[in-house]
Amino acid sequence: MSRLDEQPWRVAGKKLAPAPKTLDVGWRGIWPALEKKGLPVVSGGRSAGARVACRTATELGAAAVLALSFPLHPPGKPEKSRADELLGAGVPTLVVQGGNDPFGKPAEFPEGTYELLEVPFGDHGFKVPKKAELSQDDAMTVITGGVTQWAGMLDA
């Protein structure tokens, strides 16, 4: 998987993304470069990028959304849910979530029309502890296998 963009706020050394509206404007600007007539585009991102992909999916005509490490809520603040963004994607959506993600563990996610793939023991970056029953390589196999299977079903 190649990256078409690098988040400017990360390049600038900031740890927090700018306001959602600012992120969405940037994504809307790059979207025309992703579109090719006759080819469906799966919009996706990790963390704040997953939120952007969900918020803009129907507007931009995405065929589906791949949401990696969707930040369901800020760590320790489940009352500040962002579930509406995920539930409002309006297209087939796969959420790949670490089992120990402080931004939302899989069990915290509401019922919805999306699919949820858990990476056991994974944190927000899918890193698993060295003492976990799953190696880091195994965690990556869970992710790549699950995404590949899901993407293959989009054509069906």
Protein backbone atom coordinates (compact mmCIF):
# COMPACT_ATOMS: atom_id res chain seq x y z
CA MET A 1 0.00 0.00 0.00
CA SER A 2 1.51 3.32 -1.00
CA ARG A 3 0.83 6.72 0.49
CA LEU A 4 -0.27 9.52 -1.76
CA ASP A 5 0.03 12.15 0.89
CA GLU A 6 1.83 12.86 4.13
CA GLN A 7 -0.15 14.62 6.81
CA PRO A 8 1.24 18.20 6.96
CA TRP A 9 0.60 18.47 10.67
CA ARG A 10 2.75 15.37 11.28
CA VAL A 11 5.53 16.70 9.01
CA ALA A 12 5.44 19.91 11.06
CA GLY A 13 6.09 17.84 14.21
CA LYS A 14 2.65 18.29 15.75
CA LYS A 15 1.08 15.40 17.60
CA LEU A 16 -2.51 16.51 17.26
CA ALA A 17 -4.40 16.92 14.01
CA PRO A 18 -6.04 20.24 13.20
CA ALA A 19 -9.80 20.72 13.41
CA PRO A 20 -11.91 18.19 11.46
CA LYS A 21 -13.08 20.80 8.95
CA THR A 22 -9.45 21.60 8.09
CA LEU A 23 -8.62 17.92 7.56
CA ASP A 24 -11.70 17.44 5.38
CA VAL A 25 -10.72 20.40 3.16
CA GLY A 26 -7.31 18.83 2.56
CA TRP A 27 -8.84 15.45 1.72
CA ARG A 28 -11.32 17.02 -0.68
CA GLY A 29 -8.40 18.69 -2.43
CA ILE A 30 -6.48 15.46 -3.02
CA TRP A 31 -9.53 13.36 -3.96
CA PRO A 32 -9.57 14.30 -7.69
CA ALA A 33 -6.08 12.82 -8.03
CA LEU A 34 -7.37 9.52 -6.65
CA GLU A 35 -10.36 9.20 -8.95
CA LYS A 36 -10.00 7.40 -12.25
CA LYS A 37 -13.03 6.87 -14.44
CA GLY A 38 -14.40 3.36 -14.11
CA LEU A 39 -12.34 2.45 -11.05
CA PRO A 40 -13.91 2.47 -7.58
CA VAL A 41 -11.94 4.27 -4.88
CA VAL A 42 -11.79 2.99 -1.32
CA SER A 43 -11.32 5.97 0.93
CA GLY A 44 -9.29 5.27 4.00
CA GLY A 45 -7.09 6.53 6.72
CA ARG A 46 -5.70 5.85 10.14
CA SER A 47 -6.90 7.58 13.29
CA ALA A 48 -7.87 11.16 12.34
CA GLY A 49 -7.64 10.10 8.69
CA ALA A 50 -10.22 7.36 9.33
CA ARG A 51 -12.59 10.02 10.65
CA VAL A 52 -12.00 12.14 7.53
CA ALA A 53 -12.66 9.14 5.27
CA CYS A 54 -15.95 8.41 7.04
CA ARG A 55 -17.15 12.03 7.06
CA THR A 56 -16.45 12.59 3.35
CA ALA A 57 -17.18 9.15 1.83
CA THR A 58 -20.61 9.76 0.33
CA GLU A 59 -19.88 13.36 -0.64
CA LEU A 60 -16.81 12.32 -2.64
CA GLY A 61 -18.32 9.14 -4.09
CA ALA A 62 -16.11 6.61 -2.34
CA ALA A 63 -16.97 2.98 -3.02
CA ALA A 64 -16.07 2.00 0.56
CA VAL A 65 -14.10 3.12 3.63
CA LEU A 66 -11.16 1.43 5.30
CA ALA A 67 -10.90 2.91 8.81
CA LEU A 68 -7.68 1.94 10.58
CA SER A 69 -7.60 2.65 14.32
CA PHE A 70 -10.80 4.69 14.27
CA PRO A 71 -10.61 7.03 17.30
CA LEU A 72 -14.05 6.32 18.73
CA HIS A 73 -13.36 8.70 21.62
CA PRO A 74 -10.41 10.50 23.21
CA PRO A 75 -8.51 8.22 25.62
CA GLY A 76 -10.34 7.96 28.93
CA LYS A 77 -13.34 9.97 27.67
CA PRO A 78 -15.89 7.50 26.26
CA GLU A 79 -18.63 10.10 26.77
CA LYS A 80 -17.11 12.11 23.87
CA SER A 81 -18.08 9.55 21.26
CA ARG A 82 -17.39 10.01 17.55
CA ALA A 83 -19.60 7.07 16.61
CA ASP A 84 -21.86 9.29 14.49
CA GLU A 85 -18.99 9.88 12.05
CA LEU A 86 -18.45 6.15 11.63
CA LEU A 87 -22.14 5.31 11.44
CA GLY A 88 -22.69 8.08 8.90
CA ALA A 89 -20.13 6.85 6.35
CA GLY A 90 -22.94 5.62 4.11
CA VAL A 91 -20.80 3.08 2.24
CA PRO A 92 -19.40 -0.37 3.11
CA THR A 93 -16.88 0.21 5.89
CA LEU A 94 -14.22 -1.92 7.55
CA VAL A 95 -12.85 -0.80 10.90
CA VAL A 96 -9.53 -2.40 11.87
CA GLN A 97 -9.09 -1.82 15.60
CA GLY A 98 -6.49 -2.85 18.15
CA GLY A 99 -7.87 -4.90 21.02
CA ASN A 100 -6.18 -2.53 23.50
CA ASP A 101 -6.68 0.76 21.67
CA PRO A 102 -7.16 3.54 24.25
CA PHE A 103 -9.19 5.49 21.66
CA GLY A 104 -11.80 2.73 21.68
CA LYS A 105 -11.60 -1.00 22.22
CA PRO A 106 -13.63 -3.16 19.82
CA ALA A 107 -16.19 -3.99 22.54
CA GLU A 108 -16.94 -0.26 22.91
CA PHE A 109 -18.09 0.16 19.30
CA PRO A 110 -21.84 0.49 18.75
CA GLU A 111 -23.85 -1.83 16.54
CA GLY A 112 -23.78 -0.65 12.96
CA THR A 113 -23.61 -1.56 9.32
CA TYR A 114 -19.81 -1.58 9.27
CA GLU A 115 -17.54 -4.59 9.76
CA LEU A 116 -15.06 -4.66 12.64
CA LEU A 117 -11.76 -6.53 12.55
CA GLU A 118 -9.96 -6.80 15.88
CA VAL A 119 -6.19 -7.00 16.09
CA PRO A 120 -5.77 -8.88 19.38
CA PHE A 121 -3.58 -7.09 21.94
CA GLY A 122 -2.94 -4.23 19.49
CA ASP A 123 -2.72 -0.61 20.57
CA HIS A 124 -3.65 2.48 18.49
CA GLY A 125 -0.72 1.80 16.14
CA PHE A 126 -1.40 -1.98 16.13
CA LYS A 127 1.72 -2.63 18.20
CA VAL A 128 1.38 -5.73 20.36
CA PRO A 129 3.29 -6.28 23.61
CA LYS A 130 6.29 -8.62 23.35
CA LYS A 131 4.69 -10.96 25.88
CA ALA A 132 1.39 -11.17 23.97
CA GLU A 133 0.14 -14.47 22.59
CA LEU A 134 0.40 -12.89 19.13
CA SER A 135 3.63 -11.70 17.52
CA GLN A 136 3.90 -8.38 15.68
CA ASP A 137 4.19 -10.32 12.40
CA ASP A 138 1.03 -12.26 13.27
CA ALA A 139 -0.77 -8.98 13.98
CA MET A 140 0.19 -7.69 10.54
CA THR A 141 -1.07 -10.94 9.00
CA VAL A 142 -4.43 -10.42 10.75
CA ILE A 143 -4.63 -6.91 9.26
CA THR A 144 -3.52 -7.73 5.73
CA GLY A 145 -5.56 -10.93 5.56
CA GLY A 146 -8.69 -9.27 6.88
CA VAL A 147 -8.41 -6.23 4.62
CA THR A 148 -7.70 -8.41 1.58
CA GLN A 149 -10.72 -10.61 2.29
CA TRP A 150 -12.99 -7.60 2.85
CA ALA A 151 -11.78 -5.81 -0.28
CA GLY A 152 -12.35 -8.97 -2.32
CA MET A 153 -15.96 -9.05 -1.19
CA LEU A 154 -16.54 -5.48 -2.42
CA ASP A 155 -16.50 -6.72 -6.00
CA ALA A 156 -19.03 -9.45 -5.30
